Amino acid sequence: MYTPGPVAAGLQVELEIEIFAMVIGGEDTGG
């Protein structure tokens, strides 16, 4: 999640990385 648009020289934008923890494989991977 982020706010699109140009970024001026020397300025910064925050990117929020969000993860929903889910297991895809059905095999036993040791937890």
Full PDB file with SEQRES, HELIX, SHEET, SSBOND, CRYST1, ORIGX, SCALE, CONECT and MASTER records, all heavy atoms in Angstrom:
SEQRES   1 A   31  MET TYR THR PRO GLY PRO VAL ALA ALA GLY LEU GLN VAL          
SEQRES   2 A   31  GLU LEU GLU ILE GLU ILE PHE ALA MET VAL ILE GLY GLY          
SEQRES   3 A   31  GLU ASP THR GLY GLY                                          
CRYST1    1.000    1.000    1.000  90.00  90.00  90.00 P 1           1          
ORIGX1      1.000000  0.000000  0.000000        0.00000                         
ORIGX2      0.000000  1.000000  0.000000        0.00000                         
ORIGX3      0.000000  0.000000  1.000000        0.00000                         
SCALE1      1.000000  0.000000  0.000000        0.00000                         
SCALE2      0.000000  1.000000  0.000000        0.00000                         
SCALE3      0.000000  0.000000  1.000000        0.00000                         
ATOM      1  N   MET A   1       0.862  -1.187   0.000  1.00  0.00           N  
ATOM      2  CA  MET A   1       0.000   0.000   0.000  1.00  0.00           C  
ATOM      3  C   MET A   1       0.896   1.234   0.000  1.00  0.00           C  
ATOM      4  O   MET A   1       1.829   1.336   0.804  1.00  0.00           O  
ATOM      5  CB  MET A   1      -0.919  -0.021   1.206  1.00  0.00           C  
ATOM      6  CG  MET A   1      -1.933  -1.146   1.131  1.00  0.00           C  
ATOM      7  SD  MET A   1      -2.912  -1.315   2.598  1.00  0.00           S  
ATOM      8  CE  MET A   1      -1.704  -1.927   3.734  1.00  0.00           C  
ATOM      9  N   TYR A   2       0.598   2.170  -0.907  1.00  0.00           N  
ATOM     10  CA  TYR A   2       1.387   3.388  -1.020  1.00  0.00           C  
ATOM     11  C   TYR A   2       0.544   4.458  -1.694  1.00  0.00           C  
ATOM     12  O   TYR A   2      -0.496   4.179  -2.280  1.00  0.00           O  
ATOM     13  CB  TYR A   2       2.677   3.139  -1.807  1.00  0.00           C  
ATOM     14  CG  TYR A   2       2.468   2.779  -3.260  1.00  0.00           C  
ATOM     15  CD1 TYR A   2       2.611   3.734  -4.261  1.00  0.00           C  
ATOM     16  CD2 TYR A   2       2.120   1.485  -3.636  1.00  0.00           C  
ATOM     17  CE1 TYR A   2       2.412   3.405  -5.591  1.00  0.00           C  
ATOM     18  CE2 TYR A   2       1.925   1.146  -4.956  1.00  0.00           C  
ATOM     19  CZ  TYR A   2       2.078   2.111  -5.930  1.00  0.00           C  
ATOM     20  OH  TYR A   2       1.881   1.789  -7.243  1.00  0.00           O  
ATOM     21  N   THR A   3       1.020   5.698  -1.627  1.00  0.00           N  
ATOM     22  CA  THR A   3       0.363   6.815  -2.292  1.00  0.00           C  
ATOM     23  C   THR A   3       1.102   7.085  -3.598  1.00  0.00           C  
ATOM     24  O   THR A   3       2.277   7.449  -3.577  1.00  0.00           O  
ATOM     25  CB  THR A   3       0.412   8.080  -1.404  1.00  0.00           C  
ATOM     26  OG1 THR A   3      -0.145   7.747  -0.129  1.00  0.00           O  
ATOM     27  CG2 THR A   3      -0.367   9.209  -2.029  1.00  0.00           C  
ATOM     28  N   PRO A   4       0.434   6.895  -4.748  1.00  0.00           N  
ATOM     29  CA  PRO A   4       1.109   7.133  -6.024  1.00  0.00           C  
ATOM     30  C   PRO A   4       1.322   8.621  -6.289  1.00  0.00           C  
ATOM     31  O   PRO A   4       0.678   9.470  -5.682  1.00  0.00           O  
ATOM     32  CB  PRO A   4       0.160   6.518  -7.053  1.00  0.00           C  
ATOM     33  CG  PRO A   4      -1.166   6.498  -6.387  1.00  0.00           C  
ATOM     34  CD  PRO A   4      -0.932   6.421  -4.913  1.00  0.00           C  
ATOM     35  N   GLY A   5       2.237   8.910  -7.197  1.00  0.00           N  
ATOM     36  CA  GLY A   5       2.527  10.292  -7.572  1.00  0.00           C  
ATOM     37  C   GLY A   5       4.015  10.542  -7.628  1.00  0.00           C  
ATOM     38  O   GLY A   5       4.814   9.702  -7.212  1.00  0.00           O  
ATOM     39  N   PRO A   6       4.417  11.713  -8.146  1.00  0.00           N  
ATOM     40  CA  PRO A   6       5.846  12.021  -8.223  1.00  0.00           C  
ATOM     41  C   PRO A   6       6.443  12.272  -6.836  1.00  0.00           C  
ATOM     42  O   PRO A   6       5.755  12.709  -5.929  1.00  0.00           O  
ATOM     43  CB  PRO A   6       5.893  13.286  -9.085  1.00  0.00           C  
ATOM     44  CG  PRO A   6       4.558  13.906  -8.908  1.00  0.00           C  
ATOM     45  CD  PRO A   6       3.586  12.779  -8.687  1.00  0.00           C  
ATOM     46  N   VAL A   7       7.739  11.972  -6.718  1.00  0.00           N  
ATOM     47  CA  VAL A   7       8.462  12.206  -5.468  1.00  0.00           C  
ATOM     48  C   VAL A   7       9.543  13.231  -5.759  1.00  0.00           C  
ATOM     49  O   VAL A   7      10.387  13.030  -6.632  1.00  0.00           O  
ATOM     50  CB  VAL A   7       9.095  10.896  -4.939  1.00  0.00           C  
ATOM     51  CG1 VAL A   7       9.803  11.132  -3.626  1.00  0.00           C  
ATOM     52  CG2 VAL A   7       8.038   9.815  -4.788  1.00  0.00           C  
ATOM     53  N   ALA A   8       9.511  14.354  -5.057  1.00  0.00           N  
ATOM     54  CA  ALA A   8      10.492  15.413  -5.263  1.00  0.00           C  
ATOM     55  C   ALA A   8      11.872  14.965  -4.791  1.00  0.00           C  
ATOM     56  O   ALA A   8      12.003  14.047  -3.985  1.00  0.00           O  
ATOM     57  CB  ALA A   8      10.067  16.678  -4.518  1.00  0.00           C  
ATOM     58  N   ALA A   9      12.905  15.617  -5.310  1.00  0.00           N  
ATOM     59  CA  ALA A   9      14.290  15.293  -4.954  1.00  0.00           C  
ATOM     60  C   ALA A   9      14.490  15.440  -3.448  1.00  0.00           C  
ATOM     61  O   ALA A   9      14.097  16.441  -2.858  1.00  0.00           O  
ATOM     62  CB  ALA A   9      15.241  16.213  -5.702  1.00  0.00           C  
ATOM     63  N   GLY A  10      15.074  14.423  -2.837  1.00  0.00           N  
ATOM     64  CA  GLY A  10      15.360  14.460  -1.405  1.00  0.00           C  
ATOM     65  C   GLY A  10      14.212  14.025  -0.524  1.00  0.00           C  
ATOM     66  O   GLY A  10      14.406  13.842   0.672  1.00  0.00           O  
ATOM     67  N   LEU A  11      13.016  13.860  -1.077  1.00  0.00           N  
ATOM     68  CA  LEU A  11      11.875  13.449  -0.262  1.00  0.00           C  
ATOM     69  C   LEU A  11      11.685  11.938  -0.342  1.00  0.00           C  
ATOM     70  O   LEU A  11      12.349  11.253  -1.116  1.00  0.00           O  
ATOM     71  CB  LEU A  11      10.611  14.170  -0.700  1.00  0.00           C  
ATOM     72  CG  LEU A  11      10.614  15.689  -0.482  1.00  0.00           C  
ATOM     73  CD1 LEU A  11       9.261  16.274  -0.836  1.00  0.00           C  
ATOM     74  CD2 LEU A  11      10.976  16.051   0.948  1.00  0.00           C  
ATOM     75  N   GLN A  12      10.759  11.426   0.462  1.00  0.00           N  
ATOM     76  CA  GLN A  12      10.565   9.987   0.532  1.00  0.00           C  
ATOM     77  C   GLN A  12       9.091   9.639   0.628  1.00  0.00           C  
ATOM     78  O   GLN A  12       8.265  10.480   0.962  1.00  0.00           O  
ATOM     79  CB  GLN A  12      11.317   9.423   1.733  1.00  0.00           C  
ATOM     80  CG  GLN A  12      10.858  10.002   3.060  1.00  0.00           C  
ATOM     81  CD  GLN A  12      11.840   9.724   4.164  1.00  0.00           C  
ATOM     82  OE1 GLN A  12      13.022   9.591   3.938  1.00  0.00           O  
ATOM     83  NE2 GLN A  12      11.337   9.634   5.388  1.00  0.00           N  
ATOM     84  N   VAL A  13       8.786   8.386   0.306  1.00  0.00           N  
ATOM     85  CA  VAL A  13       7.430   7.853   0.356  1.00  0.00           C  
ATOM     86  C   VAL A  13       7.482   6.587   1.193  1.00  0.00           C  
ATOM     87  O   VAL A  13       8.450   5.827   1.122  1.00  0.00           O  
ATOM     88  CB  VAL A  13       6.929   7.525  -1.072  1.00  0.00           C  
ATOM     89  CG1 VAL A  13       5.592   6.836  -1.044  1.00  0.00           C  
ATOM     90  CG2 VAL A  13       6.863   8.775  -1.907  1.00  0.00           C  
ATOM     91  N   GLU A  14       6.435   6.361   1.983  1.00  0.00           N  
ATOM     92  CA  GLU A  14       6.369   5.135   2.773  1.00  0.00           C  
ATOM     93  C   GLU A  14       5.591   4.075   2.008  1.00  0.00           C  
ATOM     94  O   GLU A  14       4.520   4.346   1.471  1.00  0.00           O  
ATOM     95  CB  GLU A  14       5.691   5.397   4.120  1.00  0.00           C  
ATOM     96  CG  GLU A  14       6.551   6.177   5.079  1.00  0.00           C  
ATOM     97  CD  GLU A  14       5.928   6.285   6.462  1.00  0.00           C  
ATOM     98  OE1 GLU A  14       4.781   5.821   6.654  1.00  0.00           O  
ATOM     99  OE2 GLU A  14       6.592   6.828   7.342  1.00  0.00           O  
ATOM    100  N   LEU A  15       6.150   2.872   1.958  1.00  0.00           N  
ATOM    101  CA  LEU A  15       5.478   1.712   1.386  1.00  0.00           C  
ATOM    102  C   LEU A  15       5.122   0.793   2.544  1.00  0.00           C  
ATOM    103  O   LEU A  15       5.998   0.412   3.317  1.00  0.00           O  
ATOM    104  CB  LEU A  15       6.396   0.965   0.417  1.00  0.00           C  
ATOM    105  CG  LEU A  15       7.036   1.740  -0.727  1.00  0.00           C  
ATOM    106  CD1 LEU A  15       7.966   0.837  -1.503  1.00  0.00           C  
ATOM    107  CD2 LEU A  15       5.980   2.312  -1.631  1.00  0.00           C  
ATOM    108  N   GLU A  16       3.849   0.474   2.682  1.00  0.00           N  
ATOM    109  CA  GLU A  16       3.426  -0.443   3.739  1.00  0.00           C  
ATOM    110  C   GLU A  16       3.298  -1.836   3.144  1.00  0.00           C  
ATOM    111  O   GLU A  16       2.476  -2.070   2.266  1.00  0.00           O  
ATOM    112  CB  GLU A  16       2.103   0.014   4.344  1.00  0.00           C  
ATOM    113  CG  GLU A  16       1.641  -0.918   5.412  1.00  0.00           C  
ATOM    114  CD  GLU A  16       1.227  -0.208   6.683  1.00  0.00           C  
ATOM    115  OE1 GLU A  16       1.432   1.009   6.792  1.00  0.00           O  
ATOM    116  OE2 GLU A  16       0.707  -0.883   7.551  1.00  0.00           O  
ATOM    117  N   ILE A  17       4.139  -2.742   3.616  1.00  0.00           N  
ATOM    118  CA  ILE A  17       4.129  -4.131   3.162  1.00  0.00           C  
ATOM    119  C   ILE A  17       3.246  -4.903   4.133  1.00  0.00           C  
ATOM    120  O   ILE A  17       3.554  -4.983   5.322  1.00  0.00           O  
ATOM    121  CB  ILE A  17       5.551  -4.747   3.155  1.00  0.00           C  
ATOM    122  CG1 ILE A  17       6.565  -3.807   2.511  1.00  0.00           C  
ATOM    123  CG2 ILE A  17       5.543  -6.121   2.526  1.00  0.00           C  
ATOM    124  CD1 ILE A  17       6.335  -3.518   1.074  1.00  0.00           C  
ATOM    125  N   GLU A  18       2.157  -5.453   3.625  1.00  0.00           N  
ATOM    126  CA  GLU A  18       1.223  -6.197   4.460  1.00  0.00           C  
ATOM    127  C   GLU A  18       1.225  -7.651   4.022  1.00  0.00           C  
ATOM    128  O   GLU A  18       1.190  -7.937   2.827  1.00  0.00           O  
ATOM    129  CB  GLU A  18      -0.172  -5.597   4.300  1.00  0.00           C  
ATOM    130  CG  GLU A  18      -1.176  -6.062   5.311  1.00  0.00           C  
ATOM    131  CD  GLU A  18      -2.495  -5.331   5.151  1.00  0.00           C  
ATOM    132  OE1 GLU A  18      -2.663  -4.267   5.765  1.00  0.00           O  
ATOM    133  OE2 GLU A  18      -3.346  -5.839   4.391  1.00  0.00           O  
ATOM    134  N   ILE A  19       1.260  -8.565   4.988  1.00  0.00           N  
ATOM    135  CA  ILE A  19       1.238  -9.990   4.662  1.00  0.00           C  
ATOM    136  C   ILE A  19       0.172 -10.680   5.490  1.00  0.00           C  
ATOM    137  O   ILE A  19       0.058 -10.459   6.699  1.00  0.00           O  
ATOM    138  CB  ILE A  19       2.630 -10.661   4.884  1.00  0.00           C  
ATOM    139  CG1 ILE A  19       2.581 -12.119   4.480  1.00  0.00           C  
ATOM    140  CG2 ILE A  19       3.114 -10.489   6.297  1.00  0.00           C  
ATOM    141  CD1 ILE A  19       3.930 -12.795   4.404  1.00  0.00           C  
ATOM    142  N   PHE A  20      -0.648 -11.467   4.799  1.00  0.00           N  
ATOM    143  CA  PHE A  20      -1.604 -12.343   5.479  1.00  0.00           C  
ATOM    144  C   PHE A  20      -0.954 -13.715   5.509  1.00  0.00           C  
ATOM    145  O   PHE A  20      -0.735 -14.329   4.468  1.00  0.00           O  
ATOM    146  CB  PHE A  20      -2.946 -12.376   4.736  1.00  0.00           C  
ATOM    147  CG  PHE A  20      -3.931 -13.308   5.379  1.00  0.00           C  
ATOM    148  CD1 PHE A  20      -4.523 -12.964   6.579  1.00  0.00           C  
ATOM    149  CD2 PHE A  20      -4.245 -14.520   4.791  1.00  0.00           C  
ATOM    150  CE1 PHE A  20      -5.427 -13.824   7.197  1.00  0.00           C  
ATOM    151  CE2 PHE A  20      -5.145 -15.381   5.401  1.00  0.00           C  
ATOM    152  CZ  PHE A  20      -5.741 -15.033   6.600  1.00  0.00           C  
ATOM    153  N   ALA A  21      -0.601 -14.172   6.705  1.00  0.00           N  
ATOM    154  CA  ALA A  21       0.142 -15.426   6.858  1.00  0.00           C  
ATOM    155  C   ALA A  21      -0.771 -16.613   6.566  1.00  0.00           C  
ATOM    156  O   ALA A  21      -1.720 -16.860   7.305  1.00  0.00           O  
ATOM    157  CB  ALA A  21       0.713 -15.527   8.269  1.00  0.00           C  
ATOM    158  N   MET A  22      -0.483 -17.293   5.448  1.00  0.00           N  
ATOM    159  CA  MET A  22      -1.260 -18.486   5.100  1.00  0.00           C  
ATOM    160  C   MET A  22      -0.318 -19.541   4.548  1.00  0.00           C  
ATOM    161  O   MET A  22       0.685 -19.228   3.920  1.00  0.00           O  
ATOM    162  CB  MET A  22      -2.348 -18.152   4.091  1.00  0.00           C  
ATOM    163  CG  MET A  22      -1.858 -17.559   2.804  1.00  0.00           C  
ATOM    164  SD  MET A  22      -3.258 -17.120   1.786  1.00  0.00           S  
ATOM    165  CE  MET A  22      -2.416 -16.281   0.461  1.00  0.00           C  
ATOM    166  N   VAL A  23      -0.669 -20.789   4.813  1.00  0.00           N  
ATOM    167  CA  VAL A  23       0.131 -21.911   4.352  1.00  0.00           C  
ATOM    168  C   VAL A  23      -0.474 -22.409   3.050  1.00  0.00           C  
ATOM    169  O   VAL A  23      -1.668 -22.679   2.977  1.00  0.00           O  
ATOM    170  CB  VAL A  23       0.167 -23.034   5.409  1.00  0.00           C  
ATOM    171  CG1 VAL A  23       0.933 -24.232   4.896  1.00  0.00           C  
ATOM    172  CG2 VAL A  23       0.782 -22.509   6.691  1.00  0.00           C  
ATOM    173  N   ILE A  24       0.351 -22.518   2.011  1.00  0.00           N  
ATOM    174  CA  ILE A  24      -0.134 -22.913   0.689  1.00  0.00           C  
ATOM    175  C   ILE A  24      -0.083 -24.425   0.526  1.00  0.00           C  
ATOM    176  O   ILE A  24      -1.060 -25.059   0.161  1.00  0.00           O  
ATOM    177  CB  ILE A  24       0.692 -22.219  -0.414  1.00  0.00           C  
ATOM    178  CG1 ILE A  24       0.565 -20.715  -0.267  1.00  0.00           C  
ATOM    179  CG2 ILE A  24       0.239 -22.662  -1.789  1.00  0.00           C  
ATOM    180  CD1 ILE A  24       1.598 -19.944  -1.005  1.00  0.00           C  
ATOM    181  N   GLY A  25       1.066 -25.020   0.815  1.00  0.00           N  
ATOM    182  CA  GLY A  25       1.247 -26.463   0.617  1.00  0.00           C  
ATOM    183  C   GLY A  25       0.542 -27.273   1.691  1.00  0.00           C  
ATOM    184  O   GLY A  25       0.456 -26.864   2.841  1.00  0.00           O  
ATOM    185  N   GLY A  26       0.037 -28.451   1.321  1.00  0.00           N  
ATOM    186  CA  GLY A  26      -0.666 -29.290   2.273  1.00  0.00           C  
ATOM    187  C   GLY A  26       0.241 -30.298   2.958  1.00  0.00           C  
ATOM    188  O   GLY A  26      -0.155 -30.925   3.924  1.00  0.00           O  
ATOM    189  N   GLU A  27       1.480 -30.456   2.463  1.00  0.00           N  
ATOM    190  CA  GLU A  27       2.377 -31.463   3.040  1.00  0.00           C  
ATOM    191  C   GLU A  27       2.937 -30.981   4.371  1.00  0.00           C  
ATOM    192  O   GLU A  27       2.964 -29.793   4.665  1.00  0.00           O  
ATOM    193  CB  GLU A  27       3.527 -31.780   2.061  1.00  0.00           C  
ATOM    194  CG  GLU A  27       4.555 -30.684   1.887  1.00  0.00           C  
ATOM    195  CD  GLU A  27       4.157 -29.604   0.887  1.00  0.00           C  
ATOM    196  OE1 GLU A  27       3.148 -29.773   0.198  1.00  0.00           O  
ATOM    197  OE2 GLU A  27       4.867 -28.585   0.830  1.00  0.00           O  
ATOM    198  N   ASP A  28       3.397 -31.927   5.147  1.00  0.00           N  
ATOM    199  CA  ASP A  28       3.959 -31.628   6.465  1.00  0.00           C  
ATOM    200  C   ASP A  28       5.363 -31.069   6.290  1.00  0.00           C  
ATOM    201  O   ASP A  28       6.240 -31.730   5.751  1.00  0.00           O  
ATOM    202  CB  ASP A  28       3.981 -32.904   7.316  1.00  0.00           C  
ATOM    203  CG  ASP A  28       4.471 -32.625   8.730  1.00  0.00           C  
ATOM    204  OD1 ASP A  28       4.271 -31.493   9.200  1.00  0.00           O  
ATOM    205  OD2 ASP A  28       5.055 -33.535   9.334  1.00  0.00           O  
ATOM    206  N   THR A  29       5.574 -29.840   6.732  1.00  0.00           N  
ATOM    207  CA  THR A  29       6.882 -29.191   6.587  1.00  0.00           C  
ATOM    208  C   THR A  29       7.556 -29.010   7.936  1.00  0.00           C  
ATOM    209  O   THR A  29       8.426 -28.171   8.082  1.00  0.00           O  
ATOM    210  CB  THR A  29       6.728 -27.822   5.892  1.00  0.00           C  
ATOM    211  OG1 THR A  29       5.802 -27.026   6.658  1.00  0.00           O  
ATOM    212  CG2 THR A  29       6.240 -27.968   4.473  1.00  0.00           C  
ATOM    213  N   GLY A  30       7.100 -29.745   8.933  1.00  0.00           N  
ATOM    214  CA  GLY A  30       7.729 -29.644  10.244  1.00  0.00           C  
ATOM    215  C   GLY A  30       7.237 -28.466  11.044  1.00  0.00           C  
ATOM    216  O   GLY A  30       7.898 -28.017  11.960  1.00  0.00           O  
ATOM    217  N   GLY A  31       6.088 -27.913  10.698  1.00  0.00           N  
ATOM    218  CA  GLY A  31       5.505 -26.810  11.457  1.00  0.00           C  
ATOM    219  C   GLY A  31       5.848 -25.425  10.944  1.00  0.00           C  
ATOM    220  O   GLY A  31       5.239 -24.458  11.347  1.00  0.00           O  
TER     221      GLY A  31                                                      
MASTER        0    0    0    0    0    0    0    6  220    1    0    3          
END                                                                             
